[in-house]
Amino acid sequence: MGSNALDAYFNSVYSETFASVSRYVVSKCGSIQESEDILQNIYARFYQRIAKKGYEDIENAEAFVINIAKTSPVHWPVREGFCSL
């Protein structure tokens, strides 16, 4: 799988899913500012996964990325304590 195709797929999924994934994370953590690191980690994990195993088996990218969020570490430190995804 070429790097250009991988990057194009990632960018497409990012553009299509960022709003919904952000809403999910913010609903668990309180604010977008406190959720930025979490979102970065979620999309980094997504990129690592598609770089390693490809993306042909991913039927619903939004559900896949939200599942990554749900299986992220249970407690993320934020300014006023922790948020649980």
Protein backbone atom coordinates (compact mmCIF):
# COMPACT_ATOMS: atom_id res chain seq x y z
CA MET A 1 0.00 0.00 0.00
CA GLY A 2 1.51 3.28 -1.07
CA SER A 3 2.10 6.10 1.35
CA ASN A 4 0.10 8.51 -0.82
CA ALA A 5 -2.96 6.24 -0.76
CA LEU A 6 -2.60 5.74 2.98
CA ASP A 7 -2.30 9.46 3.63
CA ALA A 8 -5.24 10.21 1.34
CA TYR A 9 -7.41 7.64 3.15
CA PHE A 10 -6.37 8.96 6.56
CA ASN A 11 -7.04 12.57 5.57
CA SER A 12 -10.44 11.63 4.18
CA VAL A 13 -11.44 9.74 7.32
CA TYR A 14 -10.11 12.54 9.52
CA SER A 15 -12.15 15.15 7.63
CA GLU A 16 -15.29 13.01 7.71
CA THR A 17 -15.07 11.90 11.35
CA PHE A 18 -13.39 14.68 13.32
CA ALA A 19 -16.62 16.48 14.24
CA SER A 20 -18.39 13.38 15.56
CA VAL A 21 -15.34 11.98 17.33
CA SER A 22 -14.69 15.40 18.88
CA ARG A 23 -18.28 15.55 20.13
CA TYR A 24 -17.89 12.12 21.69
CA VAL A 25 -14.62 13.00 23.44
CA VAL A 26 -15.84 16.42 24.58
CA SER A 27 -19.01 14.84 25.97
CA LYS A 28 -16.79 12.67 28.16
CA CYS A 29 -14.15 15.30 29.03
CA GLY A 30 -15.95 18.64 29.14
CA SER A 31 -14.20 20.87 26.62
CA ILE A 32 -12.44 20.73 23.27
CA GLN A 33 -9.34 22.40 24.70
CA GLU A 34 -8.91 19.63 27.25
CA SER A 35 -9.68 16.99 24.63
CA GLU A 36 -7.09 18.00 22.03
CA ASP A 37 -4.36 15.63 23.26
CA ILE A 38 -6.85 12.79 23.48
CA LEU A 39 -8.03 13.40 19.92
CA GLN A 40 -4.45 13.53 18.69
CA ASN A 41 -3.76 10.19 20.36
CA ILE A 42 -6.91 8.62 18.89
CA TYR A 43 -6.02 9.64 15.34
CA ALA A 44 -2.37 8.66 15.83
CA ARG A 45 -3.53 5.20 16.90
CA PHE A 46 -5.82 5.05 13.86
CA TYR A 47 -2.97 6.00 11.52
CA GLN A 48 -0.65 3.43 13.10
CA ARG A 49 -3.28 0.75 12.66
CA ILE A 50 -3.97 1.46 9.00
CA ALA A 51 -0.24 1.79 8.29
CA LYS A 52 0.37 -1.63 9.85
CA LYS A 53 -2.68 -3.63 8.72
CA GLY A 54 -4.24 -1.60 5.93
CA TYR A 55 -7.76 -0.26 5.75
CA GLU A 56 -9.51 -2.57 3.32
CA ASP A 57 -11.28 -4.37 6.18
CA ILE A 58 -12.70 -1.16 7.71
CA GLU A 59 -16.36 -0.98 6.72
CA ASN A 60 -17.34 2.05 8.81
CA ALA A 61 -14.43 4.39 9.52
CA GLU A 62 -16.39 6.58 11.93
CA ALA A 63 -17.40 3.60 14.08
CA PHE A 64 -13.84 2.31 13.91
CA VAL A 65 -12.34 5.60 15.15
CA ILE A 66 -14.94 5.98 17.90
CA ASN A 67 -14.14 2.43 18.99
CA ILE A 68 -10.49 3.47 19.28
CA ALA A 69 -11.67 6.32 21.51
CA LYS A 70 -13.72 3.95 23.63
CA THR A 71 -10.80 1.57 24.06
CA SER A 72 -8.33 4.32 24.85
CA PRO A 73 -6.96 4.45 28.39
CA VAL A 74 -9.89 4.67 30.77
CA HIS A 75 -8.78 7.82 32.55
CA TRP A 76 -7.13 10.74 30.78
CA PRO A 77 -5.72 13.53 32.92
CA VAL A 78 -7.35 16.90 32.29
CA ARG A 79 -7.16 20.20 34.10
CA GLU A 80 -9.98 19.49 36.54
CA GLY A 81 -9.33 15.80 37.17
CA PHE A 82 -9.85 12.94 34.75
CA CYS A 83 -12.20 12.10 31.96
CA SER A 84 -13.34 8.57 31.26
CA LEU A 85 -13.92 7.46 27.71
